[in-house]
Amino acid sequence: MSEKPAAPAPPPASGRVAVRLPGNLEPAYSNFALITHSPSEFVIDFAQRMPQLPQARVVARVISTPQHAKLLLRALAENIGRYEAQFGPIATPETSTLADQLFRPPSQGGASGPAAPPAAG
Protein backbone atom coordinates (compact mmCIF):
# COMPACT_ATOMS: atom_id res chain seq x y z
CA MET A 1 0.00 0.00 0.00
CA SER A 2 1.19 3.49 -0.73
CA GLU A 3 0.45 6.58 1.26
CA LYS A 4 -1.34 9.44 -0.40
CA PRO A 5 0.77 12.59 -0.68
CA ALA A 6 -0.25 15.39 1.64
CA ALA A 7 -2.57 17.93 0.05
CA PRO A 8 -1.03 21.33 -0.54
CA ALA A 9 -1.81 23.90 2.10
CA PRO A 10 -4.71 26.15 1.14
CA PRO A 11 -3.85 29.75 0.30
CA PRO A 12 -4.28 32.32 3.07
CA ALA A 13 -7.90 33.41 3.50
CA SER A 14 -7.00 37.03 2.70
CA GLY A 15 -5.81 36.05 -0.80
CA ARG A 16 -2.38 37.48 -0.06
CA VAL A 17 0.79 35.51 -0.64
CA ALA A 18 3.86 35.85 1.54
CA VAL A 19 6.80 36.78 -0.70
CA ARG A 20 10.40 36.26 0.35
CA LEU A 21 13.19 38.19 -1.34
CA PRO A 22 16.60 36.49 -1.30
CA GLY A 23 19.20 38.56 0.52
CA ASN A 24 21.50 38.51 -2.53
CA LEU A 25 18.83 39.57 -5.06
CA GLU A 26 20.23 42.33 -7.26
CA PRO A 27 17.70 44.85 -8.56
CA ALA A 28 17.80 45.46 -12.31
CA TYR A 29 16.90 48.75 -14.00
CA SER A 30 15.25 48.43 -17.40
CA ASN A 31 14.21 51.05 -19.94
CA PHE A 32 13.82 48.67 -22.88
CA ALA A 33 12.02 45.36 -23.37
CA LEU A 34 11.81 42.69 -26.04
CA ILE A 35 8.73 40.48 -25.93
CA THR A 36 8.40 37.23 -27.86
CA HIS A 37 6.04 34.30 -27.52
CA SER A 38 5.27 30.76 -28.57
CA PRO A 39 2.01 28.86 -28.13
CA SER A 40 3.07 27.88 -24.61
CA GLU A 41 5.03 30.82 -23.19
CA PHE A 42 5.87 34.51 -23.26
CA VAL A 43 9.48 35.63 -22.97
CA ILE A 44 10.23 39.16 -21.79
CA ASP A 45 13.83 40.32 -21.96
CA PHE A 46 14.31 43.43 -19.83
CA ALA A 47 17.26 45.48 -21.00
CA GLN A 48 19.13 48.75 -20.55
CA ARG A 49 19.51 50.97 -23.58
CA MET A 50 21.68 54.04 -23.72
CA PRO A 51 20.49 57.01 -25.79
CA GLN A 52 21.96 57.21 -29.30
CA LEU A 53 23.35 53.64 -29.16
CA PRO A 54 21.73 50.98 -31.36
CA GLN A 55 22.24 48.18 -28.85
CA ALA A 56 20.77 47.15 -25.52
CA ARG A 57 22.08 44.93 -22.71
CA VAL A 58 19.63 42.36 -21.33
CA VAL A 59 19.61 42.46 -17.52
CA ALA A 60 16.80 39.98 -16.81
CA ARG A 61 14.69 37.42 -18.69
CA VAL A 62 11.22 36.43 -17.50
CA ILE A 63 9.47 33.43 -19.03
CA SER A 64 5.80 33.00 -18.26
CA THR A 65 2.67 31.17 -19.37
CA PRO A 66 0.22 33.04 -21.62
CA GLN A 67 -2.34 33.07 -18.80
CA HIS A 68 0.13 34.61 -16.36
CA ALA A 69 1.23 37.17 -18.97
CA LYS A 70 -2.38 38.26 -19.39
CA LEU A 71 -2.87 38.47 -15.61
CA LEU A 72 0.35 40.53 -15.40
CA LEU A 73 -1.05 42.87 -18.06
CA ARG A 74 -4.21 43.30 -15.97
CA ALA A 75 -2.22 43.89 -12.77
CA LEU A 76 -0.01 46.49 -14.51
CA ALA A 77 -3.08 48.29 -15.88
CA GLU A 78 -4.66 48.37 -12.41
CA ASN A 79 -1.46 49.66 -10.80
CA ILE A 80 -0.90 52.30 -13.49
CA GLY A 81 -4.48 53.47 -12.88
CA ARG A 82 -3.78 53.80 -9.14
CA TYR A 83 -0.48 55.58 -9.81
CA GLU A 84 -2.12 58.09 -12.16
CA ALA A 85 -4.95 58.67 -9.69
CA GLN A 86 -2.37 59.59 -7.06
CA PHE A 87 0.31 61.37 -9.11
CA GLY A 88 -1.39 62.41 -12.34
CA PRO A 89 -1.22 61.07 -15.88
CA ILE A 90 1.95 59.47 -17.18
CA ALA A 91 2.96 61.30 -20.35
CA THR A 92 3.62 59.10 -23.36
CA PRO A 93 4.55 60.09 -26.92
CA GLU A 94 1.66 60.82 -29.28
CA THR A 95 3.01 58.39 -31.88
CA SER A 96 3.60 54.68 -31.51
CA THR A 97 7.36 55.18 -31.86
CA LEU A 98 8.07 54.49 -28.19
CA ALA A 99 6.13 51.23 -28.25
CA ASP A 100 7.82 50.32 -31.54
CA GLN A 101 11.24 50.99 -30.00
CA LEU A 102 10.52 49.22 -26.71
CA PHE A 103 8.64 46.18 -27.92
CA ARG A 104 9.64 45.44 -31.51
CA PRO A 105 10.88 41.89 -32.07
CA PRO A 106 14.60 41.33 -32.62
CA SER A 107 15.77 41.80 -36.22
CA GLN A 108 15.66 38.70 -38.38
CA GLY A 109 19.09 39.27 -39.92
CA GLY A 110 22.26 37.61 -38.75
CA ALA A 111 24.42 39.16 -36.07
CA SER A 112 26.99 41.40 -37.68
CA GLY A 113 28.33 43.03 -34.55
CA PRO A 114 27.35 46.35 -33.01
CA ALA A 115 26.47 49.15 -35.38
CA ALA A 116 28.22 52.48 -35.18
CA PRO A 117 26.37 55.27 -33.35
CA PRO A 118 24.68 57.84 -35.61
CA ALA A 119 26.92 60.64 -36.79
CA ALA A 120 26.54 63.93 -35.00
CA GLY A 121 25.34 66.67 -37.18
C-alpha atoms as a PDB file:
ATOM      1  CA  MET A   1       0.000   0.000   0.000  1.00  0.00           C
ATOM      2  CA  SER A   2       1.185   3.492  -0.734  1.00  0.00           C
ATOM      3  CA  GLU A   3       0.447   6.576   1.262  1.00  0.00           C
ATOM      4  CA  LYS A   4      -1.341   9.445  -0.404  1.00  0.00           C
ATOM      5  CA  PRO A   5       0.766  12.592  -0.679  1.00  0.00           C
ATOM      6  CA  ALA A   6      -0.250  15.385   1.641  1.00  0.00           C
ATOM      7  CA  ALA A   7      -2.572  17.926   0.054  1.00  0.00           C
ATOM      8  CA  PRO A   8      -1.028  21.333  -0.538  1.00  0.00           C
ATOM      9  CA  ALA A   9      -1.813  23.900   2.099  1.00  0.00           C
ATOM     10  CA  PRO A  10      -4.713  26.147   1.141  1.00  0.00           C
ATOM     11  CA  PRO A  11      -3.850  29.751   0.296  1.00  0.00           C
ATOM     12  CA  PRO A  12      -4.285  32.315   3.067  1.00  0.00           C
ATOM     13  CA  ALA A  13      -7.904  33.410   3.502  1.00  0.00           C
ATOM     14  CA  SER A  14      -6.995  37.029   2.697  1.00  0.00           C
ATOM     15  CA  GLY A  15      -5.813  36.045  -0.800  1.00  0.00           C
ATOM     16  CA  ARG A  16      -2.380  37.475  -0.060  1.00  0.00           C
ATOM     17  CA  VAL A  17       0.787  35.507  -0.641  1.00  0.00           C
ATOM     18  CA  ALA A  18       3.865  35.855   1.538  1.00  0.00           C
ATOM     19  CA  VAL A  19       6.801  36.783  -0.704  1.00  0.00           C
ATOM     20  CA  ARG A  20      10.402  36.259   0.348  1.00  0.00           C
ATOM     21  CA  LEU A  21      13.194  38.188  -1.338  1.00  0.00           C
ATOM     22  CA  PRO A  22      16.602  36.494  -1.298  1.00  0.00           C
ATOM     23  CA  GLY A  23      19.199  38.562   0.516  1.00  0.00           C
ATOM     24  CA  ASN A  24      21.498  38.510  -2.528  1.00  0.00           C
ATOM     25  CA  LEU A  25      18.835  39.569  -5.060  1.00  0.00           C
ATOM     26  CA  GLU A  26      20.231  42.333  -7.257  1.00  0.00           C
ATOM     27  CA  PRO A  27      17.701  44.854  -8.563  1.00  0.00           C
ATOM     28  CA  ALA A  28      17.795  45.456 -12.307  1.00  0.00           C
ATOM     29  CA  TYR A  29      16.897  48.755 -13.997  1.00  0.00           C
ATOM     30  CA  SER A  30      15.255  48.425 -17.402  1.00  0.00           C
ATOM     31  CA  ASN A  31      14.209  51.049 -19.942  1.00  0.00           C
ATOM     32  CA  PHE A  32      13.818  48.668 -22.883  1.00  0.00           C
ATOM     33  CA  ALA A  33      12.018  45.355 -23.372  1.00  0.00           C
ATOM     34  CA  LEU A  34      11.807  42.694 -26.041  1.00  0.00           C
ATOM     35  CA  ILE A  35       8.727  40.475 -25.926  1.00  0.00           C
ATOM     36  CA  THR A  36       8.398  37.231 -27.863  1.00  0.00           C
ATOM     37  CA  HIS A  37       6.041  34.298 -27.515  1.00  0.00           C
ATOM     38  CA  SER A  38       5.274  30.761 -28.566  1.00  0.00           C
ATOM     39  CA  PRO A  39       2.008  28.865 -28.131  1.00  0.00           C
ATOM     40  CA  SER A  40       3.073  27.877 -24.612  1.00  0.00           C
ATOM     41  CA  GLU A  41       5.035  30.821 -23.192  1.00  0.00           C
ATOM     42  CA  PHE A  42       5.867  34.513 -23.263  1.00  0.00           C
ATOM     43  CA  VAL A  43       9.485  35.628 -22.970  1.00  0.00           C
ATOM     44  CA  ILE A  44      10.231  39.161 -21.794  1.00  0.00           C
ATOM     45  CA  ASP A  45      13.832  40.319 -21.961  1.00  0.00           C
ATOM     46  CA  PHE A  46      14.309  43.426 -19.831  1.00  0.00           C
ATOM     47  CA  ALA A  47      17.264  45.480 -21.002  1.00  0.00           C
ATOM     48  CA  GLN A  48      19.126  48.749 -20.551  1.00  0.00           C
ATOM     49  CA  ARG A  49      19.505  50.968 -23.578  1.00  0.00           C
ATOM     50  CA  MET A  50      21.683  54.043 -23.721  1.00  0.00           C
ATOM     51  CA  PRO A  51      20.485  57.009 -25.795  1.00  0.00           C
ATOM     52  CA  GLN A  52      21.963  57.210 -29.301  1.00  0.00           C
ATOM     53  CA  LEU A  53      23.346  53.641 -29.157  1.00  0.00           C
ATOM     54  CA  PRO A  54      21.729  50.981 -31.357  1.00  0.00           C
ATOM     55  CA  GLN A  55      22.239  48.184 -28.851  1.00  0.00           C
ATOM     56  CA  ALA A  56      20.767  47.151 -25.516  1.00  0.00           C
ATOM     57  CA  ARG A  57      22.085  44.930 -22.711  1.00  0.00           C
ATOM     58  CA  VAL A  58      19.629  42.357 -21.325  1.00  0.00           C
ATOM     59  CA  VAL A  59      19.612  42.461 -17.515  1.00  0.00           C
ATOM     60  CA  ALA A  60      16.798  39.981 -16.813  1.00  0.00           C
ATOM     61  CA  ARG A  61      14.692  37.420 -18.691  1.00  0.00           C
ATOM     62  CA  VAL A  62      11.224  36.434 -17.499  1.00  0.00           C
ATOM     63  CA  ILE A  63       9.473  33.425 -19.026  1.00  0.00           C
ATOM     64  CA  SER A  64       5.800  32.996 -18.262  1.00  0.00           C
ATOM     65  CA  THR A  65       2.671  31.172 -19.369  1.00  0.00           C
ATOM     66  CA  PRO A  66       0.219  33.040 -21.624  1.00  0.00           C
ATOM     67  CA  GLN A  67      -2.341  33.067 -18.799  1.00  0.00           C
ATOM     68  CA  HIS A  68       0.126  34.605 -16.355  1.00  0.00           C
ATOM     69  CA  ALA A  69       1.230  37.167 -18.970  1.00  0.00           C
ATOM     70  CA  LYS A  70      -2.385  38.261 -19.391  1.00  0.00           C
ATOM     71  CA  LEU A  71      -2.866  38.470 -15.609  1.00  0.00           C
ATOM     72  CA  LEU A  72       0.347  40.528 -15.399  1.00  0.00           C
ATOM     73  CA  LEU A  73      -1.051  42.869 -18.062  1.00  0.00           C
ATOM     74  CA  ARG A  74      -4.214  43.301 -15.973  1.00  0.00           C
ATOM     75  CA  ALA A  75      -2.216  43.893 -12.771  1.00  0.00           C
ATOM     76  CA  LEU A  76      -0.005  46.485 -14.508  1.00  0.00           C
ATOM     77  CA  ALA A  77      -3.085  48.293 -15.882  1.00  0.00           C
ATOM     78  CA  GLU A  78      -4.662  48.368 -12.408  1.00  0.00           C
ATOM     79  CA  ASN A  79      -1.465  49.656 -10.799  1.00  0.00           C
ATOM     80  CA  ILE A  80      -0.901  52.300 -13.485  1.00  0.00           C
ATOM     81  CA  GLY A  81      -4.476  53.466 -12.882  1.00  0.00           C
ATOM     82  CA  ARG A  82      -3.782  53.799  -9.140  1.00  0.00           C
ATOM     83  CA  TYR A  83      -0.479  55.575  -9.815  1.00  0.00           C
ATOM     84  CA  GLU A  84      -2.121  58.093 -12.156  1.00  0.00           C
ATOM     85  CA  ALA A  85      -4.954  58.671  -9.687  1.00  0.00           C
ATOM     86  CA  GLN A  86      -2.369  59.589  -7.055  1.00  0.00           C
ATOM     87  CA  PHE A  87       0.313  61.372  -9.105  1.00  0.00           C
ATOM     88  CA  GLY A  88      -1.387  62.409 -12.340  1.00  0.00           C
ATOM     89  CA  PRO A  89      -1.216  61.067 -15.877  1.00  0.00           C
ATOM     90  CA  ILE A  90       1.953  59.470 -17.180  1.00  0.00           C
ATOM     91  CA  ALA A  91       2.958  61.297 -20.351  1.00  0.00           C
ATOM     92  CA  THR A  92       3.618  59.101 -23.364  1.00  0.00           C
ATOM     93  CA  PRO A  93       4.554  60.092 -26.915  1.00  0.00           C
ATOM     94  CA  GLU A  94       1.656  60.822 -29.279  1.00  0.00           C
ATOM     95  CA  THR A  95       3.015  58.388 -31.883  1.00  0.00           C
ATOM     96  CA  SER A  96       3.602  54.683 -31.514  1.00  0.00           C
ATOM     97  CA  THR A  97       7.360  55.177 -31.862  1.00  0.00           C
ATOM     98  CA  LEU A  98       8.068  54.489 -28.185  1.00  0.00           C
ATOM     99  CA  ALA A  99       6.134  51.231 -28.254  1.00  0.00           C
ATOM    100  CA  ASP A 100       7.825  50.322 -31.536  1.00  0.00           C
ATOM    101  CA  GLN A 101      11.237  50.993 -29.998  1.00  0.00           C
ATOM    102  CA  LEU A 102      10.525  49.217 -26.712  1.00  0.00           C
ATOM    103  CA  PHE A 103       8.641  46.183 -27.923  1.00  0.00           C
ATOM    104  CA  ARG A 104       9.638  45.445 -31.506  1.00  0.00           C
ATOM    105  CA  PRO A 105      10.882  41.893 -32.073  1.00  0.00           C
ATOM    106  CA  PRO A 106      14.600  41.329 -32.624  1.00  0.00           C
ATOM    107  CA  SER A 107      15.766  41.800 -36.216  1.00  0.00           C
ATOM    108  CA  GLN A 108      15.657  38.703 -38.380  1.00  0.00           C
ATOM    109  CA  GLY A 109      19.086  39.269 -39.920  1.00  0.00           C
ATOM    110  CA  GLY A 110      22.265  37.607 -38.753  1.00  0.00           C
ATOM    111  CA  ALA A 111      24.416  39.158 -36.069  1.00  0.00           C
ATOM    112  CA  SER A 112      26.992  41.396 -37.679  1.00  0.00           C
ATOM    113  CA  GLY A 113      28.331  43.034 -34.547  1.00  0.00           C
ATOM    114  CA  PRO A 114      27.351  46.346 -33.011  1.00  0.00           C
ATOM    115  CA  ALA A 115      26.473  49.155 -35.381  1.00  0.00           C
ATOM    116  CA  ALA A 116      28.219  52.475 -35.181  1.00  0.00           C
ATOM    117  CA  PRO A 117      26.374  55.269 -33.353  1.00  0.00           C
ATOM    118  CA  PRO A 118      24.679  57.844 -35.609  1.00  0.00           C
ATOM    119  CA  ALA A 119      26.925  60.641 -36.794  1.00  0.00           C
ATOM    120  CA  ALA A 120      26.545  63.928 -34.995  1.00  0.00           C
ATOM    121  CA  GLY A 121      25.337  66.669 -37.184  1.00  0.00           C
END
